[in-house]
Amino acid sequence: MGSGRDLSGLRKDGSEFPIEIGLNPVKTEKGL
């Protein structure tokens, strides 16, 4: 996720931090 752009996460204390994210679809009993 976010290829070519910077992504940030948000901590509980309100501070941001740079992140990389990989997404994977998963079939569960609740659906996709």
Full PDB file with SEQRES, HELIX, SHEET, SSBOND, CRYST1, ORIGX, SCALE, CONECT and MASTER records, all heavy atoms in Angstrom:
SEQRES   1 A   32  MET GLY SER GLY ARG ASP LEU SER GLY LEU ARG LYS ASP          
SEQRES   2 A   32  GLY SER GLU PHE PRO ILE GLU ILE GLY LEU ASN PRO VAL          
SEQRES   3 A   32  LYS THR GLU LYS GLY LEU                                      
SHEET    1 AA1 2 LEU A   7  LEU A  10  0                                        
SHEET    2 AA1 2 GLU A  16  ILE A  19 -1                                        
CRYST1    1.000    1.000    1.000  90.00  90.00  90.00 P 1           1          
ORIGX1      1.000000  0.000000  0.000000        0.00000                         
ORIGX2      0.000000  1.000000  0.000000        0.00000                         
ORIGX3      0.000000  0.000000  1.000000        0.00000                         
SCALE1      1.000000  0.000000  0.000000        0.00000                         
SCALE2      0.000000  1.000000  0.000000        0.00000                         
SCALE3      0.000000  0.000000  1.000000        0.00000                         
ATOM      1  N   MET A   1       0.838  -1.194   0.000  1.00  0.00           N  
ATOM      2  CA  MET A   1       0.000   0.000   0.000  1.00  0.00           C  
ATOM      3  C   MET A   1       0.871   1.242   0.000  1.00  0.00           C  
ATOM      4  O   MET A   1       1.897   1.290   0.679  1.00  0.00           O  
ATOM      5  CB  MET A   1      -0.891   0.002   1.240  1.00  0.00           C  
ATOM      6  CG  MET A   1      -1.957   1.043   1.220  1.00  0.00           C  
ATOM      7  SD  MET A   1      -3.059   0.774   2.605  1.00  0.00           S  
ATOM      8  CE  MET A   1      -2.951   2.362   3.362  1.00  0.00           C  
ATOM      9  N   GLY A   2       0.466   2.230  -0.770  1.00  0.00           N  
ATOM     10  CA  GLY A   2       1.142   3.513  -0.747  1.00  0.00           C  
ATOM     11  C   GLY A   2       2.386   3.563  -1.583  1.00  0.00           C  
ATOM     12  O   GLY A   2       3.255   4.406  -1.349  1.00  0.00           O  
ATOM     13  N   SER A   3       2.509   2.706  -2.550  1.00  0.00           N  
ATOM     14  CA  SER A   3       3.686   2.710  -3.398  1.00  0.00           C  
ATOM     15  C   SER A   3       3.873   4.084  -4.023  1.00  0.00           C  
ATOM     16  O   SER A   3       2.970   4.648  -4.623  1.00  0.00           O  
ATOM     17  CB  SER A   3       3.530   1.650  -4.491  1.00  0.00           C  
ATOM     18  OG  SER A   3       4.683   1.614  -5.275  1.00  0.00           O  
ATOM     19  N   GLY A   4       5.051   4.656  -3.826  1.00  0.00           N  
ATOM     20  CA  GLY A   4       5.358   5.957  -4.409  1.00  0.00           C  
ATOM     21  C   GLY A   4       4.962   7.136  -3.543  1.00  0.00           C  
ATOM     22  O   GLY A   4       5.116   8.281  -3.947  1.00  0.00           O  
ATOM     23  N   ARG A   5       4.423   6.881  -2.347  1.00  0.00           N  
ATOM     24  CA  ARG A   5       4.088   7.992  -1.458  1.00  0.00           C  
ATOM     25  C   ARG A   5       4.358   7.582  -0.023  1.00  0.00           C  
ATOM     26  O   ARG A   5       4.378   6.400   0.307  1.00  0.00           O  
ATOM     27  CB  ARG A   5       2.643   8.442  -1.643  1.00  0.00           C  
ATOM     28  CG  ARG A   5       1.626   7.401  -1.286  1.00  0.00           C  
ATOM     29  CD  ARG A   5       0.213   7.907  -1.597  1.00  0.00           C  
ATOM     30  NE  ARG A   5      -0.705   6.810  -1.432  1.00  0.00           N  
ATOM     31  CZ  ARG A   5      -1.760   6.849  -0.643  1.00  0.00           C  
ATOM     32  NH1 ARG A   5      -2.044   7.929   0.013  1.00  0.00           N  
ATOM     33  NH2 ARG A   5      -2.541   5.801  -0.536  1.00  0.00           N  
ATOM     34  N   ASP A   6       4.563   8.555   0.804  1.00  0.00           N  
ATOM     35  CA  ASP A   6       4.843   8.285   2.211  1.00  0.00           C  
ATOM     36  C   ASP A   6       3.541   8.039   2.967  1.00  0.00           C  
ATOM     37  O   ASP A   6       2.556   8.757   2.795  1.00  0.00           O  
ATOM     38  CB  ASP A   6       5.583   9.464   2.847  1.00  0.00           C  
ATOM     39  CG  ASP A   6       7.002   9.605   2.342  1.00  0.00           C  
ATOM     40  OD1 ASP A   6       7.561   8.595   1.869  1.00  0.00           O  
ATOM     41  OD2 ASP A   6       7.560  10.710   2.418  1.00  0.00           O  
ATOM     42  N   LEU A   7       3.548   7.012   3.787  1.00  0.00           N  
ATOM     43  CA  LEU A   7       2.404   6.688   4.634  1.00  0.00           C  
ATOM     44  C   LEU A   7       2.778   6.920   6.082  1.00  0.00           C  
ATOM     45  O   LEU A   7       3.936   6.746   6.465  1.00  0.00           O  
ATOM     46  CB  LEU A   7       1.986   5.229   4.446  1.00  0.00           C  
ATOM     47  CG  LEU A   7       1.502   4.827   3.067  1.00  0.00           C  
ATOM     48  CD1 LEU A   7       1.215   3.336   3.029  1.00  0.00           C  
ATOM     49  CD2 LEU A   7       0.267   5.611   2.681  1.00  0.00           C  
ATOM     50  N   SER A   8       1.794   7.281   6.873  1.00  0.00           N  
ATOM     51  CA  SER A   8       2.023   7.517   8.293  1.00  0.00           C  
ATOM     52  C   SER A   8       0.973   6.804   9.113  1.00  0.00           C  
ATOM     53  O   SER A   8      -0.192   6.715   8.716  1.00  0.00           O  
ATOM     54  CB  SER A   8       1.953   9.014   8.614  1.00  0.00           C  
ATOM     55  OG  SER A   8       2.969   9.721   7.959  1.00  0.00           O  
ATOM     56  N   GLY A   9       1.400   6.316  10.260  1.00  0.00           N  
ATOM     57  CA  GLY A   9       0.483   5.754  11.239  1.00  0.00           C  
ATOM     58  C   GLY A   9       0.302   6.755  12.355  1.00  0.00           C  
ATOM     59  O   GLY A   9       1.080   7.708  12.493  1.00  0.00           O  
ATOM     60  N   LEU A  10      -0.729   6.548  13.150  1.00  0.00           N  
ATOM     61  CA  LEU A  10      -1.036   7.450  14.258  1.00  0.00           C  
ATOM     62  C   LEU A  10      -1.009   6.655  15.556  1.00  0.00           C  
ATOM     63  O   LEU A  10      -1.725   5.656  15.695  1.00  0.00           O  
ATOM     64  CB  LEU A  10      -2.419   8.083  14.054  1.00  0.00           C  
ATOM     65  CG  LEU A  10      -2.859   9.124  15.064  1.00  0.00           C  
ATOM     66  CD1 LEU A  10      -1.953  10.356  14.987  1.00  0.00           C  
ATOM     67  CD2 LEU A  10      -4.310   9.516  14.816  1.00  0.00           C  
ATOM     68  N   ARG A  11      -0.171   7.100  16.482  1.00  0.00           N  
ATOM     69  CA  ARG A  11      -0.086   6.453  17.796  1.00  0.00           C  
ATOM     70  C   ARG A  11      -1.187   6.976  18.712  1.00  0.00           C  
ATOM     71  O   ARG A  11      -1.798   8.015  18.452  1.00  0.00           O  
ATOM     72  CB  ARG A  11       1.270   6.724  18.431  1.00  0.00           C  
ATOM     73  CG  ARG A  11       2.428   6.059  17.733  1.00  0.00           C  
ATOM     74  CD  ARG A  11       3.725   6.219  18.542  1.00  0.00           C  
ATOM     75  NE  ARG A  11       4.806   5.557  17.872  1.00  0.00           N  
ATOM     76  CZ  ARG A  11       5.701   6.162  17.086  1.00  0.00           C  
ATOM     77  NH1 ARG A  11       5.617   7.464  16.864  1.00  0.00           N  
ATOM     78  NH2 ARG A  11       6.661   5.465  16.517  1.00  0.00           N  
ATOM     79  N   LYS A  12      -1.383   6.271  19.789  1.00  0.00           N  
ATOM     80  CA  LYS A  12      -2.387   6.658  20.780  1.00  0.00           C  
ATOM     81  C   LYS A  12      -2.116   8.053  21.326  1.00  0.00           C  
ATOM     82  O   LYS A  12      -3.049   8.821  21.570  1.00  0.00           O  
ATOM     83  CB  LYS A  12      -2.401   5.631  21.922  1.00  0.00           C  
ATOM     84  CG  LYS A  12      -3.468   5.883  22.962  1.00  0.00           C  
ATOM     85  CD  LYS A  12      -3.452   4.796  24.011  1.00  0.00           C  
ATOM     86  CE  LYS A  12      -4.533   5.044  25.047  1.00  0.00           C  
ATOM     87  NZ  LYS A  12      -4.557   3.969  26.050  1.00  0.00           N  
ATOM     88  N   ASP A  13      -0.840   8.408  21.459  1.00  0.00           N  
ATOM     89  CA  ASP A  13      -0.493   9.722  22.001  1.00  0.00           C  
ATOM     90  C   ASP A  13      -0.635  10.849  20.969  1.00  0.00           C  
ATOM     91  O   ASP A  13      -0.349  12.005  21.251  1.00  0.00           O  
ATOM     92  CB  ASP A  13       0.920   9.717  22.589  1.00  0.00           C  
ATOM     93  CG  ASP A  13       2.023   9.518  21.557  1.00  0.00           C  
ATOM     94  OD1 ASP A  13       1.743   9.555  20.325  1.00  0.00           O  
ATOM     95  OD2 ASP A  13       3.185   9.330  21.974  1.00  0.00           O  
ATOM     96  N   GLY A  14      -1.068  10.516  19.754  1.00  0.00           N  
ATOM     97  CA  GLY A  14      -1.279  11.524  18.719  1.00  0.00           C  
ATOM     98  C   GLY A  14      -0.085  11.743  17.810  1.00  0.00           C  
ATOM     99  O   GLY A  14      -0.190  12.478  16.822  1.00  0.00           O  
ATOM    100  N   SER A  15       1.042  11.132  18.128  1.00  0.00           N  
ATOM    101  CA  SER A  15       2.222  11.302  17.280  1.00  0.00           C  
ATOM    102  C   SER A  15       2.114  10.420  16.043  1.00  0.00           C  
ATOM    103  O   SER A  15       1.475   9.367  16.064  1.00  0.00           O  
ATOM    104  CB  SER A  15       3.509  10.979  18.060  1.00  0.00           C  
ATOM    105  OG  SER A  15       3.524   9.616  18.458  1.00  0.00           O  
ATOM    106  N   GLU A  16       2.717  10.873  14.965  1.00  0.00           N  
ATOM    107  CA  GLU A  16       2.723  10.123  13.713  1.00  0.00           C  
ATOM    108  C   GLU A  16       4.078   9.464  13.515  1.00  0.00           C  
ATOM    109  O   GLU A  16       5.086   9.949  14.030  1.00  0.00           O  
ATOM    110  CB  GLU A  16       2.436  11.052  12.534  1.00  0.00           C  
ATOM    111  CG  GLU A  16       1.031  11.597  12.527  1.00  0.00           C  
ATOM    112  CD  GLU A  16       0.721  12.424  11.296  1.00  0.00           C  
ATOM    113  OE1 GLU A  16       1.418  12.258  10.257  1.00  0.00           O  
ATOM    114  OE2 GLU A  16      -0.218  13.237  11.361  1.00  0.00           O  
ATOM    115  N   PHE A  17       4.080   8.387  12.749  1.00  0.00           N  
ATOM    116  CA  PHE A  17       5.328   7.705  12.431  1.00  0.00           C  
ATOM    117  C   PHE A  17       5.215   7.125  11.031  1.00  0.00           C  
ATOM    118  O   PHE A  17       4.130   6.726  10.593  1.00  0.00           O  
ATOM    119  CB  PHE A  17       5.664   6.632  13.477  1.00  0.00           C  
ATOM    120  CG  PHE A  17       4.615   5.550  13.612  1.00  0.00           C  
ATOM    121  CD1 PHE A  17       4.837   4.291  13.071  1.00  0.00           C  
ATOM    122  CD2 PHE A  17       3.428   5.791  14.288  1.00  0.00           C  
ATOM    123  CE1 PHE A  17       3.891   3.294  13.201  1.00  0.00           C  
ATOM    124  CE2 PHE A  17       2.467   4.791  14.415  1.00  0.00           C  
ATOM    125  CZ  PHE A  17       2.703   3.542  13.875  1.00  0.00           C  
ATOM    126  N   PRO A  18       6.339   7.090  10.277  1.00  0.00           N  
ATOM    127  CA  PRO A  18       6.303   6.572   8.909  1.00  0.00           C  
ATOM    128  C   PRO A  18       6.180   5.051   8.903  1.00  0.00           C  
ATOM    129  O   PRO A  18       6.785   4.363   9.732  1.00  0.00           O  
ATOM    130  CB  PRO A  18       7.644   7.023   8.324  1.00  0.00           C  
ATOM    131  CG  PRO A  18       8.545   7.152   9.504  1.00  0.00           C  
ATOM    132  CD  PRO A  18       7.676   7.573  10.655  1.00  0.00           C  
ATOM    133  N   ILE A  19       5.375   4.550   7.966  1.00  0.00           N  
ATOM    134  CA  ILE A  19       5.118   3.108   7.910  1.00  0.00           C  
ATOM    135  C   ILE A  19       5.120   2.605   6.477  1.00  0.00           C  
ATOM    136  O   ILE A  19       4.959   3.379   5.533  1.00  0.00           O  
ATOM    137  CB  ILE A  19       3.765   2.745   8.562  1.00  0.00           C  
ATOM    138  CG1 ILE A  19       2.610   3.506   7.888  1.00  0.00           C  
ATOM    139  CG2 ILE A  19       3.783   2.972  10.048  1.00  0.00           C  
ATOM    140  CD1 ILE A  19       1.225   3.112   8.376  1.00  0.00           C  
ATOM    141  N   GLU A  20       5.323   1.307   6.352  1.00  0.00           N  
ATOM    142  CA  GLU A  20       5.082   0.567   5.122  1.00  0.00           C  
ATOM    143  C   GLU A  20       4.014  -0.460   5.456  1.00  0.00           C  
ATOM    144  O   GLU A  20       3.997  -1.017   6.554  1.00  0.00           O  
ATOM    145  CB  GLU A  20       6.339  -0.167   4.644  1.00  0.00           C  
ATOM    146  CG  GLU A  20       7.336   0.731   3.992  1.00  0.00           C  
ATOM    147  CD  GLU A  20       8.523  -0.024   3.412  1.00  0.00           C  
ATOM    148  OE1 GLU A  20       8.678  -1.233   3.688  1.00  0.00           O  
ATOM    149  OE2 GLU A  20       9.301   0.611   2.696  1.00  0.00           O  
ATOM    150  N   ILE A  21       3.122  -0.701   4.496  1.00  0.00           N  
ATOM    151  CA  ILE A  21       2.013  -1.622   4.732  1.00  0.00           C  
ATOM    152  C   ILE A  21       1.900  -2.608   3.583  1.00  0.00           C  
ATOM    153  O   ILE A  21       1.955  -2.221   2.414  1.00  0.00           O  
ATOM    154  CB  ILE A  21       0.677  -0.865   4.868  1.00  0.00           C  
ATOM    155  CG1 ILE A  21       0.748   0.157   6.001  1.00  0.00           C  
ATOM    156  CG2 ILE A  21      -0.476  -1.837   5.106  1.00  0.00           C  
ATOM    157  CD1 ILE A  21      -0.498   0.998   6.135  1.00  0.00           C  
ATOM    158  N   GLY A  22       1.745  -3.877   3.928  1.00  0.00           N  
ATOM    159  CA  GLY A  22       1.411  -4.912   2.958  1.00  0.00           C  
ATOM    160  C   GLY A  22       0.005  -5.404   3.251  1.00  0.00           C  
ATOM    161  O   GLY A  22      -0.336  -5.634   4.411  1.00  0.00           O  
ATOM    162  N   LEU A  23      -0.821  -5.510   2.217  1.00  0.00           N  
ATOM    163  CA  LEU A  23      -2.207  -5.947   2.389  1.00  0.00           C  
ATOM    164  C   LEU A  23      -2.402  -7.334   1.792  1.00  0.00           C  
ATOM    165  O   LEU A  23      -1.891  -7.620   0.708  1.00  0.00           O  
ATOM    166  CB  LEU A  23      -3.165  -4.973   1.682  1.00  0.00           C  
ATOM    167  CG  LEU A  23      -3.086  -3.509   2.098  1.00  0.00           C  
ATOM    168  CD1 LEU A  23      -4.039  -2.680   1.260  1.00  0.00           C  
ATOM    169  CD2 LEU A  23      -3.389  -3.351   3.576  1.00  0.00           C  
ATOM    170  N   ASN A  24      -3.156  -8.162   2.496  1.00  0.00           N  
ATOM    171  CA  ASN A  24      -3.452  -9.518   2.024  1.00  0.00           C  
ATOM    172  C   ASN A  24      -4.914  -9.841   2.289  1.00  0.00           C  
ATOM    173  O   ASN A  24      -5.368  -9.731   3.432  1.00  0.00           O  
ATOM    174  CB  ASN A  24      -2.588 -10.545   2.753  1.00  0.00           C  
ATOM    175  CG  ASN A  24      -1.144 -10.412   2.394  1.00  0.00           C  
ATOM    176  OD1 ASN A  24      -0.763 -10.710   1.275  1.00  0.00           O  
ATOM    177  ND2 ASN A  24      -0.336  -9.948   3.334  1.00  0.00           N  
ATOM    178  N   PRO A  25      -5.653 -10.247   1.243  1.00  0.00           N  
ATOM    179  CA  PRO A  25      -7.036 -10.665   1.479  1.00  0.00           C  
ATOM    180  C   PRO A  25      -7.053 -12.010   2.199  1.00  0.00           C  
ATOM    181  O   PRO A  25      -6.232 -12.876   1.926  1.00  0.00           O  
ATOM    182  CB  PRO A  25      -7.618 -10.778   0.073  1.00  0.00           C  
ATOM    183  CG  PRO A  25      -6.445 -10.983  -0.820  1.00  0.00           C  
ATOM    184  CD  PRO A  25      -5.269 -10.336  -0.154  1.00  0.00           C  
ATOM    185  N   VAL A  26      -7.986 -12.159   3.128  1.00  0.00           N  
ATOM    186  CA  VAL A  26      -8.114 -13.387   3.910  1.00  0.00           C  
ATOM    187  C   VAL A  26      -9.592 -13.746   3.999  1.00  0.00           C  
ATOM    188  O   VAL A  26     -10.402 -12.911   4.403  1.00  0.00           O  
ATOM    189  CB  VAL A  26      -7.538 -13.204   5.338  1.00  0.00           C  
ATOM    190  CG1 VAL A  26      -7.718 -14.456   6.166  1.00  0.00           C  
ATOM    191  CG2 VAL A  26      -6.088 -12.791   5.301  1.00  0.00           C  
ATOM    192  N   LYS A  27      -9.925 -14.981   3.619  1.00  0.00           N  
ATOM    193  CA  LYS A  27     -11.304 -15.438   3.754  1.00  0.00           C  
ATOM    194  C   LYS A  27     -11.489 -15.991   5.165  1.00  0.00           C  
ATOM    195  O   LYS A  27     -10.732 -16.855   5.597  1.00  0.00           O  
ATOM    196  CB  LYS A  27     -11.619 -16.506   2.718  1.00  0.00           C  
ATOM    197  CG  LYS A  27     -11.651 -15.963   1.306  1.00  0.00           C  
ATOM    198  CD  LYS A  27     -11.971 -17.049   0.296  1.00  0.00           C  
ATOM    199  CE  LYS A  27     -11.918 -16.463  -1.097  1.00  0.00           C  
ATOM    200  NZ  LYS A  27     -12.106 -17.458  -2.139  1.00  0.00           N  
ATOM    201  N   THR A  28     -12.475 -15.463   5.866  1.00  0.00           N  
ATOM    202  CA  THR A  28     -12.767 -15.905   7.226  1.00  0.00           C  
ATOM    203  C   THR A  28     -14.242 -16.273   7.322  1.00  0.00           C  
ATOM    204  O   THR A  28     -15.003 -16.075   6.379  1.00  0.00           O  
ATOM    205  CB  THR A  28     -12.468 -14.788   8.256  1.00  0.00           C  
ATOM    206  OG1 THR A  28     -13.473 -13.772   8.141  1.00  0.00           O  
ATOM    207  CG2 THR A  28     -11.089 -14.186   8.050  1.00  0.00           C  
ATOM    208  N   GLU A  29     -14.634 -16.762   8.496  1.00  0.00           N  
ATOM    209  CA  GLU A  29     -16.050 -17.062   8.704  1.00  0.00           C  
ATOM    210  C   GLU A  29     -16.894 -15.795   8.678  1.00  0.00           C  
ATOM    211  O   GLU A  29     -18.100 -15.843   8.486  1.00  0.00           O  
ATOM    212  CB  GLU A  29     -16.268 -17.842  10.008  1.00  0.00           C  
ATOM    213  CG  GLU A  29     -15.900 -17.098  11.267  1.00  0.00           C  
ATOM    214  CD  GLU A  29     -14.421 -17.183  11.641  1.00  0.00           C  
ATOM    215  OE1 GLU A  29     -13.644 -17.865  10.941  1.00  0.00           O  
ATOM    216  OE2 GLU A  29     -14.043 -16.555  12.637  1.00  0.00           O  
ATOM    217  N   LYS A  30     -16.270 -14.632   8.857  1.00  0.00           N  
ATOM    218  CA  LYS A  30     -16.982 -13.348   8.772  1.00  0.00           C  
ATOM    219  C   LYS A  30     -17.014 -12.813   7.347  1.00  0.00           C  
ATOM    220  O   LYS A  30     -17.492 -11.723   7.111  1.00  0.00           O  
ATOM    221  CB  LYS A  30     -16.309 -12.321   9.683  1.00  0.00           C  
ATOM    222  CG  LYS A  30     -16.433 -12.644  11.158  1.00  0.00           C  
ATOM    223  CD  LYS A  30     -15.943 -11.505  11.998  1.00  0.00           C  
ATOM    224  CE  LYS A  30     -17.070 -10.543  12.078  1.00  0.00           C  
ATOM    225  NZ  LYS A  30     -17.168  -9.638  13.138  1.00  0.00           N  
ATOM    226  N   GLY A  31     -16.452 -13.559   6.420  1.00  0.00           N  
ATOM    227  CA  GLY A  31     -16.380 -13.106   5.031  1.00  0.00           C  
ATOM    228  C   GLY A  31     -14.967 -12.670   4.694  1.00  0.00           C  
ATOM    229  O   GLY A  31     -14.014 -12.961   5.416  1.00  0.00           O  
ATOM    230  N   LEU A  32     -14.836 -11.943   3.610  1.00  0.00           N  
ATOM    231  CA  LEU A  32     -13.518 -11.485   3.174  1.00  0.00           C  
ATOM    232  C   LEU A  32     -13.032 -10.373   4.098  1.00  0.00           C  
ATOM    233  O   LEU A  32     -13.765  -9.430   4.393  1.00  0.00           O  
ATOM    234  CB  LEU A  32     -13.581 -10.979   1.731  1.00  0.00           C  
ATOM    235  CG  LEU A  32     -12.239 -10.617   1.111  1.00  0.00           C  
ATOM    236  CD1 LEU A  32     -11.341 -11.852   0.994  1.00  0.00           C  
ATOM    237  CD2 LEU A  32     -12.445  -9.992  -0.261  1.00  0.00           C  
TER     238      LEU A  32                                                      
MASTER        0    0    0    0    2    0    0    6  237    1    0    3          
END                                                                             
